[in-house]
Protein backbone atom coordinates (compact mmCIF):
# COMPACT_ATOMS: atom_id res chain seq x y z
CA MET A 1 30.32 5.81 -23.00
CA THR A 2 31.02 7.84 -19.86
CA LYS A 3 29.53 11.20 -19.23
CA SER A 4 32.98 12.83 -19.50
CA THR A 5 33.54 11.21 -22.93
CA ARG A 6 30.18 12.35 -24.15
CA PHE A 7 30.90 15.97 -22.98
CA LYS A 8 34.24 15.94 -24.70
CA GLU A 9 32.61 14.78 -27.86
CA MET A 10 30.18 17.67 -27.69
CA LEU A 11 33.06 20.15 -27.40
CA GLN A 12 34.74 18.59 -30.46
CA SER A 13 31.61 18.08 -32.51
CA PRO A 14 31.43 19.77 -35.88
CA ASP A 15 27.79 20.72 -34.93
CA LEU A 16 26.75 23.48 -32.54
CA GLU A 17 25.77 21.96 -29.20
CA PHE A 18 23.68 23.29 -26.34
CA ILE A 19 23.52 22.73 -22.58
CA LEU A 20 20.97 24.20 -20.17
CA GLU A 21 21.25 25.35 -16.61
CA ALA A 22 20.01 23.32 -13.64
CA HIS A 23 20.39 23.93 -9.96
CA ASN A 24 19.18 20.80 -8.16
CA GLY A 25 18.26 17.22 -8.83
CA ILE A 26 14.71 17.80 -10.11
CA SER A 27 15.63 20.66 -12.43
CA ALA A 28 18.52 18.53 -13.79
CA LYS A 29 16.10 15.71 -14.54
CA ILE A 30 13.74 18.09 -16.35
CA VAL A 31 16.64 19.36 -18.45
CA GLU A 32 17.48 15.82 -19.45
CA GLU A 33 13.86 14.92 -20.22
CA ALA A 34 13.55 18.04 -22.36
CA GLY A 35 16.18 16.53 -24.70
CA PHE A 36 19.37 18.40 -23.86
CA LYS A 37 22.63 16.47 -24.12
CA GLY A 38 24.23 18.16 -21.16
CA ILE A 39 23.71 20.38 -18.05
CA TRP A 40 25.29 23.56 -16.83
CA GLY A 41 25.72 23.63 -13.13
CA SER A 42 25.43 27.40 -12.85
CA GLY A 43 27.24 29.13 -9.96
CA LEU A 44 24.53 31.86 -9.97
CA ALA A 45 21.68 29.36 -9.88
CA LEU A 46 23.32 27.02 -7.34
CA SER A 47 24.01 29.96 -5.00
CA ALA A 48 20.47 31.30 -5.49
CA GLN A 49 18.82 28.00 -4.60
CA TYR A 50 20.57 28.25 -1.26
CA GLY A 51 19.36 31.85 -0.96
CA VAL A 52 22.81 33.37 -0.95
CA ARG A 53 24.81 35.66 -3.31
CA ASP A 54 26.93 34.56 -6.17
CA ASN A 55 30.06 35.64 -4.33
CA ASN A 56 31.32 32.25 -3.09
CA GLU A 57 28.99 32.60 -0.08
CA ALA A 58 27.96 29.00 -0.61
CA SER A 59 31.01 26.87 0.17
CA TRP A 60 32.45 24.64 -2.46
CA THR A 61 31.46 21.55 -0.49
CA GLN A 62 27.80 22.77 -0.47
CA ILE A 63 27.97 23.24 -4.20
CA LEU A 64 29.56 19.87 -4.63
CA GLU A 65 26.84 18.19 -2.56
CA MET A 66 24.10 19.62 -4.71
CA VAL A 67 25.88 18.76 -7.97
CA GLU A 68 26.20 15.16 -6.75
CA PHE A 69 22.39 15.03 -6.42
CA MET A 70 22.11 16.41 -9.94
CA SER A 71 24.59 13.79 -11.28
CA ASP A 72 22.74 11.00 -9.51
CA ALA A 73 19.41 12.11 -10.91
CA THR A 74 20.56 12.20 -14.57
CA SER A 75 22.44 10.25 -17.22
CA ILE A 76 23.75 13.23 -19.23
CA PRO A 77 27.07 15.06 -18.55
CA ILE A 78 27.28 18.06 -16.24
CA MET A 79 29.73 20.93 -16.46
CA LEU A 80 30.07 22.69 -13.15
CA ASP A 81 30.55 26.44 -13.02
CA GLY A 82 33.54 26.22 -10.71
CA ASP A 83 33.93 29.95 -10.26
CA THR A 84 37.60 30.66 -9.70
CA GLY A 85 38.40 27.12 -8.60
CA TYR A 86 37.56 27.94 -4.91
CA GLY A 87 41.17 28.92 -4.07
CA ASN A 88 44.63 28.34 -5.49
CA PHE A 89 46.04 25.45 -7.55
CA ASN A 90 45.78 23.07 -4.58
CA ASN A 91 42.03 23.70 -4.15
CA MET A 92 41.65 23.13 -7.88
CA ARG A 93 43.32 19.74 -7.75
CA ARG A 94 41.03 18.59 -4.96
CA LEU A 95 38.00 19.99 -6.72
CA VAL A 96 38.74 18.00 -9.91
CA ARG A 97 39.19 14.76 -7.96
CA LYS A 98 35.96 15.29 -6.05
CA LEU A 99 34.04 16.08 -9.31
CA GLU A 100 35.33 12.99 -10.97
CA GLN A 101 34.21 10.87 -7.97
CA ARG A 102 30.66 12.13 -8.45
CA GLY A 103 30.48 11.53 -12.15
CA VAL A 104 30.74 15.22 -13.17
CA ALA A 105 32.15 15.58 -16.69
CA ALA A 106 33.75 18.98 -16.69
CA VAL A 107 34.48 22.14 -14.73
CA CYS A 108 34.65 25.69 -15.95
CA ILE A 109 36.89 28.15 -13.99
CA GLU A 110 37.07 31.93 -14.63
CA ASP A 111 40.14 34.15 -14.53
CA LYS A 112 38.94 36.49 -11.73
CA LEU A 113 40.00 36.72 -8.07
CA PHE A 114 38.58 34.70 -5.17
CA PRO A 115 35.97 35.41 -3.82
CA LYS A 116 34.43 36.04 -7.22
CA THR A 117 31.59 38.46 -8.07
CA ASN A 118 29.02 37.77 -10.81
CA SER A 119 30.10 39.17 -14.10
CA TYR A 120 26.89 41.26 -14.48
CA ILE A 121 27.58 43.15 -11.31
CA ARG A 122 30.13 46.00 -11.85
CA GLY A 123 32.00 43.84 -14.42
CA VAL A 124 34.42 46.52 -15.58
CA ALA A 125 35.46 47.19 -11.97
CA GLN A 126 36.44 43.56 -11.32
CA PRO A 127 40.16 42.71 -11.37
CA LEU A 128 41.33 39.74 -13.34
CA ALA A 129 43.66 36.99 -12.10
CA ASP A 130 47.33 36.95 -12.90
CA VAL A 131 47.72 34.97 -16.13
CA ASP A 132 50.52 32.75 -14.87
CA GLU A 133 48.72 32.01 -11.63
CA PHE A 134 45.53 31.07 -13.51
CA CYS A 135 47.49 28.89 -15.96
CA GLY A 136 48.84 27.09 -12.90
CA LYS A 137 45.32 26.26 -11.78
CA ILE A 138 44.58 24.83 -15.25
CA LYS A 139 47.71 22.72 -15.21
CA ALA A 140 47.02 21.52 -11.69
CA GLY A 141 43.50 20.50 -12.62
CA LYS A 142 44.60 18.63 -15.68
CA ASP A 143 47.38 16.85 -13.77
CA ALA A 144 44.93 15.85 -11.06
CA GLN A 145 42.35 14.21 -13.30
CA ARG A 146 42.29 10.45 -13.51
CA ASP A 147 39.71 10.32 -16.27
CA PRO A 148 41.46 11.28 -19.50
CA ASP A 149 38.20 12.75 -20.90
CA PHE A 150 37.42 15.01 -17.94
CA CYS A 151 37.43 18.53 -19.23
CA VAL A 152 38.71 21.83 -17.86
CA VAL A 153 37.17 24.88 -19.57
CA ALA A 154 38.93 28.26 -19.06
CA ARG A 155 36.50 31.24 -18.83
CA VAL A 156 38.02 34.42 -20.16
CA GLU A 157 36.61 37.61 -18.57
CA ALA A 158 38.68 40.15 -20.47
CA PHE A 159 35.65 41.59 -22.36
CA VAL A 160 33.54 41.88 -19.14
CA ALA A 161 36.36 43.64 -17.29
CA GLY A 162 36.81 46.08 -20.21
CA TRP A 163 40.26 44.92 -21.30
CA GLY A 164 39.38 44.32 -24.96
CA LEU A 165 39.98 41.84 -27.74
CA LYS A 166 43.85 41.84 -27.52
CA GLU A 167 43.76 40.81 -23.88
CA ALA A 168 41.08 38.20 -24.51
CA LEU A 169 43.21 36.62 -27.30
CA LYS A 170 46.36 36.71 -25.20
CA ARG A 171 44.73 35.03 -22.22
CA SER A 172 43.00 32.44 -24.34
CA GLU A 173 46.26 31.45 -25.99
CA ALA A 174 47.94 31.14 -22.60
CA TYR A 175 45.11 28.97 -21.25
CA HIS A 176 45.31 26.86 -24.34
CA ASP A 177 49.01 26.25 -23.81
CA ALA A 178 48.30 25.42 -20.15
CA GLY A 179 46.07 22.51 -21.20
CA ALA A 180 42.50 23.83 -21.22
CA ASP A 181 40.11 21.74 -23.22
CA ALA A 182 38.07 24.77 -24.35
CA VAL A 183 37.78 28.50 -23.67
CA LEU A 184 34.54 30.25 -22.65
CA ILE A 185 34.49 33.75 -24.00
CA HIS A 186 32.12 35.93 -21.97
CA SER A 187 30.54 39.29 -22.84
CA ALA A 188 28.09 41.49 -21.01
CA LEU A 189 27.00 43.40 -24.12
CA SER A 190 23.54 43.10 -25.50
CA VAL A 191 25.00 42.38 -28.99
CA PRO A 192 27.51 39.64 -29.89
CA ASP A 193 30.10 41.98 -31.51
CA GLU A 194 32.92 41.13 -29.06
CA ILE A 195 32.21 37.42 -29.36
CA PHE A 196 32.26 37.46 -33.15
CA ALA A 197 35.42 39.64 -33.29
CA PHE A 198 37.16 37.06 -31.06
CA MET A 199 35.96 34.18 -33.23
CA ARG A 200 37.34 35.80 -36.40
CA GLU A 201 40.74 36.14 -34.81
CA TRP A 202 40.73 32.87 -32.84
CA GLY A 203 39.84 30.45 -35.61
CA ASP A 204 39.67 26.80 -34.50
CA ARG A 205 42.65 26.63 -32.17
CA LEU A 206 40.45 25.35 -29.37
CA PRO A 207 36.67 24.81 -29.00
CA VAL A 208 34.85 28.03 -27.90
CA VAL A 209 31.97 28.12 -25.45
CA ILE A 210 29.65 31.15 -25.15
CA VAL A 211 26.89 32.24 -22.79
CA PRO A 212 24.45 34.49 -24.67
CA THR A 213 22.50 35.67 -21.64
CA SER A 214 22.76 39.37 -22.47
CA TYR A 215 22.78 39.02 -26.29
CA TYR A 216 19.89 36.59 -26.25
CA ALA A 217 18.25 38.12 -29.34
CA THR A 218 21.09 36.99 -31.64
CA PRO A 219 19.92 34.34 -34.13
CA THR A 220 21.38 30.98 -33.23
CA GLU A 221 22.45 30.43 -36.82
CA LEU A 222 25.06 33.21 -36.46
CA PHE A 223 26.76 31.23 -33.72
CA ARG A 224 27.04 28.31 -36.13
CA GLU A 225 28.39 30.53 -38.88
CA HIS A 226 31.10 31.84 -36.60
CA GLY A 227 32.25 28.38 -35.48
CA VAL A 228 31.03 28.40 -31.84
CA ALA A 229 31.23 24.87 -30.30
CA LEU A 230 28.91 25.05 -27.38
CA VAL A 231 26.14 27.40 -26.21
CA ILE A 232 25.24 27.59 -22.51
CA TRP A 233 21.69 28.71 -21.64
CA ALA A 234 22.90 29.81 -18.25
CA ASN A 235 20.09 30.75 -15.87
CA GLN A 236 16.72 30.39 -17.57
CA MET A 237 15.48 27.46 -15.46
CA LEU A 238 16.11 29.32 -12.20
CA ARG A 239 14.49 32.53 -13.51
CA ALA A 240 11.47 30.62 -14.80
CA ALA A 241 11.10 28.86 -11.45
CA VAL A 242 11.33 32.17 -9.57
CA ALA A 243 8.71 33.78 -11.78
CA ALA A 244 6.30 30.89 -11.32
CA MET A 245 6.82 30.68 -7.54
CA LYS A 246 6.33 34.41 -7.05
CA LYS A 247 3.08 34.43 -9.01
CA THR A 248 1.75 31.39 -7.22
CA ALA A 249 2.68 32.72 -3.79
CA GLU A 250 1.07 36.10 -4.47
CA VAL A 251 -2.24 34.51 -5.66
CA ILE A 252 -2.41 32.09 -2.69
CA HIS A 253 -1.73 34.92 -0.25
CA ARG A 254 -4.33 37.12 -1.94
CA ASP A 255 -7.07 34.52 -2.19
CA GLU A 256 -6.35 32.51 0.99
CA ARG A 257 -7.24 29.37 -0.94
CA LEU A 258 -5.81 27.22 -3.66
CA HIS A 259 -8.40 26.89 -6.43
CA ALA A 260 -7.01 29.74 -8.63
CA THR A 261 -3.54 28.17 -8.82
CA GLU A 262 -4.24 24.38 -8.85
CA ASP A 263 -4.81 24.17 -12.64
CA SER A 264 -1.49 25.82 -13.41
CA LEU A 265 0.52 23.47 -11.23
CA VAL A 266 1.86 20.02 -12.07
CA PRO A 267 0.10 17.20 -10.23
CA VAL A 268 1.76 15.85 -7.16
CA LYS A 269 2.11 12.53 -9.07
CA GLU A 270 4.42 14.26 -11.55
CA LEU A 271 6.79 15.12 -8.64
CA PHE A 272 6.69 11.53 -7.58
CA ARG A 273 7.52 10.45 -11.12
CA LEU A 274 10.46 12.86 -11.34
CA GLN A 275 11.64 11.62 -7.99
CA GLY A 276 11.69 8.03 -9.24
CA ALA A 277 8.95 6.73 -6.96
CA GLY A 278 8.10 4.00 -9.53
CA GLU A 279 11.62 2.63 -9.41
CA LEU A 280 11.45 2.36 -5.68
CA GLU A 281 8.25 0.29 -5.88
CA ILE A 282 9.95 -2.09 -8.26
CA ALA A 283 13.00 -2.32 -6.03
CA GLU A 284 10.82 -3.06 -2.98
CA ARG A 285 9.23 -5.95 -4.82
CA LEU A 286 12.65 -7.21 -5.77
CA TYR A 287 14.42 -6.79 -2.49
CA LEU A 288 11.61 -7.05 0.07
CA PRO A 289 9.78 -10.18 -1.23
CA CYS A 290 8.39 -10.97 2.23
CA SER A 291 7.04 -7.53 2.86
CA ARG A 292 3.24 -7.28 3.11
CA LYS A 293 1.46 -5.81 0.13
CA SER A 294 -0.11 -2.43 0.15
CA VAL A 295 -3.70 -2.58 1.24
CA ARG A 296 -6.80 -0.77 0.11
CA ALA A 297 -9.94 -0.65 2.22
CA VAL A 298 -13.55 -0.18 1.18
CA VAL A 299 -15.99 0.77 3.94
CA LEU A 300 -19.68 0.26 3.03
CA ALA A 301 -21.69 3.10 4.56
CA ALA A 302 -24.49 3.89 2.14
CA SER A 303 -27.59 3.03 4.34
CA ARG A 304 -29.33 5.33 6.66
CA GLY A 305 -29.50 3.14 9.79
CA LYS A 306 -33.14 4.03 10.51
CA GLU A 307 -33.09 1.89 13.69
CA LEU A 308 -31.30 4.91 15.35
CA GLY A 309 -34.41 7.00 14.78
CA ALA A 310 -33.98 10.77 14.92
CA LEU A 311 -30.23 10.47 15.10
CA THR A 312 -30.10 9.48 11.41
CA GLU A 313 -32.96 11.72 10.09
CA PHE A 314 -30.49 14.06 8.35
CA LYS A 315 -27.29 12.01 8.23
CA PRO A 316 -26.28 8.37 7.82
CA LYS A 317 -25.42 6.12 10.72
CA GLY A 318 -21.68 6.31 9.99
CA MET A 319 -21.71 10.07 10.70
CA VAL A 320 -23.48 9.76 14.10
CA ALA A 321 -21.21 11.17 16.76
CA LEU A 322 -19.44 8.73 19.11
CA CYS A 323 -17.22 10.24 21.74
CA GLY A 324 -17.05 13.48 19.79
CA HIS A 325 -16.24 11.95 16.38
CA PRO A 326 -18.33 10.18 13.70
CA ILE A 327 -18.51 6.38 13.86
CA LEU A 328 -16.78 6.30 10.48
CA ALA A 329 -13.84 8.36 11.84
CA HIS A 330 -13.19 5.72 14.51
CA ILE A 331 -13.21 2.95 11.82
CA VAL A 332 -10.82 4.90 9.52
CA GLU A 333 -8.51 5.69 12.40
CA CYS A 334 -8.30 1.94 13.11
CA TYR A 335 -7.24 1.28 9.53
CA ASN A 336 -4.77 4.18 9.53
CA SER A 337 -3.16 3.01 12.76
CA LEU A 338 -2.17 -0.29 11.03
CA GLY A 339 -0.81 1.46 7.95
CA VAL A 340 -3.91 1.17 5.81
CA LYS A 341 -4.17 4.77 4.54
CA ASP A 342 -5.94 4.12 1.21
CA VAL A 343 -9.49 4.04 2.52
CA LEU A 344 -12.56 4.47 0.29
CA VAL A 345 -16.02 5.06 1.80
CA VAL A 346 -19.09 4.15 -0.22
CA ARG A 347 -21.78 6.84 0.55
CA GLY A 348 -25.54 6.91 -0.17
CA TYR A 349 -28.06 8.40 2.23
CA HIS A 350 -27.39 12.12 2.76
CA LYS A 351 -24.01 11.57 1.08
CA GLU A 352 -23.16 15.27 1.38
CA ARG A 353 -22.91 14.80 5.11
CA VAL A 354 -20.18 12.18 4.76
CA ASN A 355 -17.14 14.47 4.63
CA LEU A 356 -14.14 13.00 6.39
CA SER A 357 -10.98 14.63 5.16
CA ASN A 358 -8.59 11.65 4.86
CA VAL A 359 -10.61 9.26 2.70
CA THR A 360 -11.86 8.99 -0.86
CA TYR A 361 -15.44 8.33 -1.86
CA ALA A 362 -17.68 6.40 -4.18
CA ASP A 363 -21.44 6.82 -4.23
CA ASN A 364 -24.30 4.34 -4.38
CA ASP A 365 -27.16 6.64 -5.31
CA ASP A 366 -29.57 3.72 -5.49
CA TYR A 367 -28.97 2.87 -1.83
CA ALA A 368 -32.63 2.76 -1.05
CA THR A 369 -33.37 -0.13 -3.40
CA THR A 370 -30.02 -1.92 -3.47
CA GLY A 371 -27.91 -3.84 -0.99
CA GLU A 372 -24.35 -4.14 0.21
CA VAL A 373 -23.09 -5.85 -2.90
CA ALA A 374 -24.29 -2.91 -5.01
CA SER A 375 -22.31 -0.60 -2.71
CA LEU A 376 -19.25 -2.79 -3.06
CA ALA A 377 -19.67 -2.70 -6.88
CA ALA A 378 -19.60 1.10 -6.67
CA GLY A 379 -16.50 0.95 -4.56
CA LEU A 380 -14.75 -1.49 -6.88
CA ALA A 381 -15.59 0.71 -9.80
CA ALA A 382 -13.75 3.60 -8.15
CA LEU A 383 -10.56 1.56 -7.61
CA ASP A 384 -7.97 1.38 -10.38
CA PRO A 385 -7.93 -2.23 -11.71
CA ALA A 386 -4.28 -1.74 -12.69
CA GLU A 387 -3.44 -1.73 -9.02
CA ASP A 388 -5.43 -4.90 -8.11
CA ALA A 389 -2.60 -7.40 -8.36
CA GLU A 390 -0.31 -5.27 -6.23
CA LYS A 391 -2.72 -4.37 -3.43
CA ASP A 392 -4.87 -6.46 -1.16
CA LEU A 393 -8.42 -5.33 -0.44
CA VAL A 394 -10.22 -5.21 2.92
CA VAL A 395 -13.98 -4.65 3.11
CA SER A 396 -15.93 -3.74 6.23
CA TYR A 397 -19.15 -2.00 7.26
CA GLY A 398 -19.56 1.65 8.27
CA ASP A 399 -21.39 0.76 11.49
CA VAL A 400 -19.13 -1.99 12.84
CA LEU A 401 -16.31 -1.20 15.28
CA PHE A 402 -13.48 -3.70 15.80
CA ARG A 403 -10.30 -3.95 17.83
CA LYS A 404 -7.07 -3.37 15.95
CA TYR A 405 -5.82 -6.91 16.57
CA LEU A 406 -8.72 -8.37 14.56
CA LEU A 407 -7.76 -6.19 11.58
CA GLN A 408 -4.07 -7.20 12.04
CA LEU A 409 -5.05 -10.87 11.93
CA LEU A 410 -6.92 -10.27 8.68
CA LEU A 411 -3.99 -8.34 7.17
CA ASP A 412 -1.63 -11.11 8.09
CA SER A 413 -3.65 -13.73 6.25
CA GLU A 414 -2.03 -15.13 3.10
CA ALA A 415 -5.25 -16.74 1.79
CA GLY A 416 -6.99 -15.60 -1.38
CA PHE A 417 -10.14 -14.71 0.49
CA THR A 418 -10.48 -14.46 4.34
CA VAL A 419 -13.30 -13.61 6.73
CA VAL A 420 -13.19 -13.09 10.54
CA VAL A 421 -15.74 -15.15 12.46
CA ASP A 422 -16.72 -14.69 16.08
CA VAL A 423 -17.36 -17.99 17.91
CA ASN A 424 -19.17 -16.22 20.79
CA TRP A 425 -22.20 -15.66 18.51
CA GLN A 426 -24.73 -16.90 21.04
CA GLU A 427 -23.86 -14.08 23.45
CA SER A 428 -24.78 -11.35 20.96
CA VAL A 429 -27.37 -12.75 18.61
CA ASN A 430 -31.04 -12.30 19.48
CA ALA A 431 -34.36 -12.18 17.67
CA ASP A 432 -34.19 -8.46 17.17
CA ARG A 433 -30.68 -8.34 15.62
CA PHE A 434 -29.69 -9.36 12.12
CA ALA A 435 -26.65 -11.66 12.06
CA ASP A 436 -24.46 -13.21 9.38
CA LEU A 437 -24.18 -16.75 10.77
CA VAL A 438 -21.68 -19.16 9.23
CA THR A 439 -21.06 -22.80 8.79
CA CYS A 440 -17.37 -23.69 8.40
CA SER A 441 -15.43 -26.80 7.40
CA GLU A 442 -15.18 -27.53 11.11
CA PRO A 443 -15.90 -25.74 14.39
CA CYS A 444 -13.37 -23.98 16.50
CA SER A 445 -11.38 -26.34 18.68
CA ARG A 446 -7.92 -26.84 20.07
CA ARG A 447 -6.97 -29.23 17.36
CA LEU A 448 -7.32 -26.44 14.81
CA PHE A 449 -4.13 -24.74 15.97
CA GLY A 450 -2.09 -24.02 12.86
CA GLY A 451 -4.74 -25.53 10.54
CA GLN A 452 -7.05 -23.88 7.99
CA VAL A 453 -10.73 -23.54 8.36
CA GLU A 454 -12.91 -22.76 5.29
CA LEU A 455 -16.26 -21.10 4.95
CA ARG A 456 -19.04 -23.38 3.77
CA GLU A 457 -22.21 -21.18 4.06
CA MET A 458 -23.33 -17.85 5.41
CA SER A 459 -26.94 -16.99 6.26
CA SER A 460 -29.04 -15.22 8.78
CA ASP A 461 -31.25 -18.22 9.47
CA LEU A 462 -28.98 -21.23 9.84
CA PRO A 463 -30.19 -23.83 12.38
CA ALA A 464 -28.29 -23.59 15.64
CA GLU A 465 -26.64 -27.01 15.26
CA ARG A 466 -24.94 -25.84 12.07
CA VAL A 467 -23.75 -22.47 13.32
CA HIS A 468 -20.02 -22.19 14.02
CA GLY A 469 -19.96 -18.44 14.52
CA GLU A 470 -20.95 -15.02 13.32
CA TRP A 471 -19.15 -13.02 10.57
CA ASN A 472 -18.06 -9.65 11.96
CA SER A 473 -18.01 -7.81 8.57
CA LEU A 474 -14.18 -8.02 8.07
CA PHE A 475 -13.35 -9.53 4.72
CA LYS A 476 -10.17 -9.51 2.71
CA ALA A 477 -9.37 -10.45 -0.87
CA SER A 478 -5.71 -10.79 -1.87
CA GLY A 479 -4.43 -8.91 -4.86
CA GLU A 480 -4.28 -12.09 -6.92
CA ARG A 481 -8.01 -12.83 -6.35
CA ILE A 482 -9.52 -9.31 -6.74
CA SER A 483 -10.20 -10.00 -10.42
CA VAL A 484 -12.34 -12.97 -9.29
CA LEU A 485 -14.10 -10.80 -6.75
CA ARG A 486 -14.89 -8.24 -9.49
CA GLU A 487 -16.26 -10.91 -11.78
CA THR A 488 -18.48 -12.43 -9.04
CA VAL A 489 -19.84 -8.95 -8.08
CA ALA A 490 -20.54 -8.21 -11.72
CA GLU A 491 -22.39 -11.52 -12.20
CA LEU A 492 -24.63 -10.81 -9.19
CA MET A 493 -25.31 -7.22 -10.30
CA ALA A 494 -26.25 -8.48 -13.79
CA GLN A 495 -29.30 -10.21 -12.30
CA PRO A 496 -32.18 -7.95 -11.16
CA LYS A 497 -33.09 -10.32 -8.35
CA HIS A 498 -29.66 -9.66 -6.74
CA ARG A 499 -29.87 -5.85 -6.74
CA ALA A 500 -30.53 -6.00 -2.98
CA ALA A 501 -28.00 -8.76 -2.36
CA LYS A 502 -26.05 -8.73 0.90
CA MET A 503 -22.41 -9.56 1.41
CA SER A 504 -23.53 -13.06 2.53
CA HIS A 505 -24.78 -13.64 -1.06
CA LEU A 506 -21.41 -12.61 -2.41
CA LEU A 507 -19.42 -14.88 -0.09
CA ASN A 508 -21.73 -17.83 -0.81
CA ALA A 509 -21.29 -17.10 -4.55
CA LEU A 510 -17.50 -17.29 -4.14
CA VAL A 511 -17.79 -20.58 -2.32
CA ALA A 512 -20.13 -21.91 -5.03
CA ARG A 513 -17.67 -21.19 -7.79
CA GLY A 514 -15.01 -23.22 -5.98
CA GLU A 515 -13.10 -20.42 -4.28
CA THR A 516 -11.59 -21.08 -0.87
CA VAL A 517 -12.66 -18.52 1.74
CA SER A 518 -10.44 -18.97 4.76
CA VAL A 519 -11.80 -18.39 8.27
CA ILE A 520 -10.09 -16.71 11.18
CA TYR A 521 -11.85 -17.67 14.44
CA THR A 522 -11.95 -15.00 17.21
CA THR A 523 -13.85 -14.35 20.33
CA GLY A 524 -15.68 -10.97 20.58
CA HIS A 525 -13.93 -7.62 20.52
CA TRP A 526 -16.20 -6.09 17.84
CA LEU A 527 -19.51 -4.23 17.96
CA ASP A 528 -22.25 -3.90 15.37
CA ILE A 529 -24.17 -0.67 16.15
CA ASP A 530 -27.73 -1.59 15.45
CA SER A 531 -29.55 0.35 18.16
CA VAL A 532 -29.27 3.29 20.54
CA GLU A 533 -28.24 0.80 23.21
CA ASP A 534 -25.38 -0.32 20.96
CA LEU A 535 -24.33 3.33 20.52
CA ILE A 536 -24.14 3.72 24.30
CA ARG A 537 -22.00 0.51 24.59
CA ALA A 538 -19.82 1.83 21.81
CA GLY A 539 -18.78 4.69 24.04
CA GLN A 540 -17.16 2.15 26.32
CA PHE A 541 -15.77 0.12 23.34
CA THR A 542 -13.70 3.05 22.03
């Protein structure tokens, strides 16, 4: 059933129906979600959301554009407050055609002169349109419509202008004869006496619409008893929004901070929901099957880094300054530059000093007696498992710098698990430096071009003849394998002997359970900061 058909059924329903004002796409969606069957595109509210007066200061094309957004955002019918039709009969014809093209179900036009003035501003001083001229607009609108169920509602302003019941009845009858689908009887009184007097005389010749803005205290049951077809709650959404915005703005200006208002606001996620962000994610998966998944990153930075001496007496290694910014900030910037914005840092030692603004945090408060796998477990616990299948996961250390291209190679990998291995290990490994040495399915060679190499073992004390390179801390798990990663981490943490387990234990455990850990061979272009000398070299690296 089309929106226009549903609106026409509302007008002709034996039950009293209600529609509520909206003035943009998001307010229209809220009206629909509240349970209303229809929306009133209020001229006052639409003008106000542009910040102009309700005197046709917003052009009809601007109004039409906003109503199109409202129609696109909802599935229920909209009746536009079309003021006086934005001109003569010719403007009315074009208006109806354009509204139909945008899926708008109905238009209401009022019998005043263009440019109109809101009925609550000097109503009795406002002249009314010539009856014959206004009937011509109605006829033109009805002749122009292509949808047989599109409705034209004639708004009668005789009571507002002080012309009384007789004029209201005369005009209503003329508009009925001209083809109007309903009449809207307006009154500016605080009691419904004029409305009920009209209803007693009018009977059921044509559906009657009312707008009880001024006589809002009237029990709704009385509208039913008098045979009203449709009630418009005409401006409450706009007024509620203005009241809330004024209060919020005043509090923020007074306090110069946000804590006093945050609890009264909807979460940003609710805005995303109303905007349809979820539908876009589904569409992206449907229409962009080759696009790379979203990526989350976990940076393990819980340890002190005591090898840096006094530099880490009161803060962890990751927060030591490097070229004016913490080491961690350089790592996060590298992630961000390649589109990885969801970065979680696992803190431990002096965690209060780890305070970067563009990351989230998890804490390993047992950092002094546990190892890297325990920190990863804390990081995984902070990630929503519901997102695992949709997002790949990259893990790295909080004291290892790397060139962007290394991260890009890792992100481009389609394997379930991937590590980056430096074949120039002999140039950097010495007796004083810990290194994660690896044995792979075969060493790096020209014949590997386009082939896959797999991790076989990782250890700090492999014999030289079995070493094919050094792991540089970059590790990725595809979304499909994160559940396996979680299981393996949990199994290790369930055993007291593995509380201090390093990442090498985890990678070996993955291999042992039959998982393929793919290897990307590289040469250099990363730096593990293990000493003051490394920190000095890092200044040139960045």
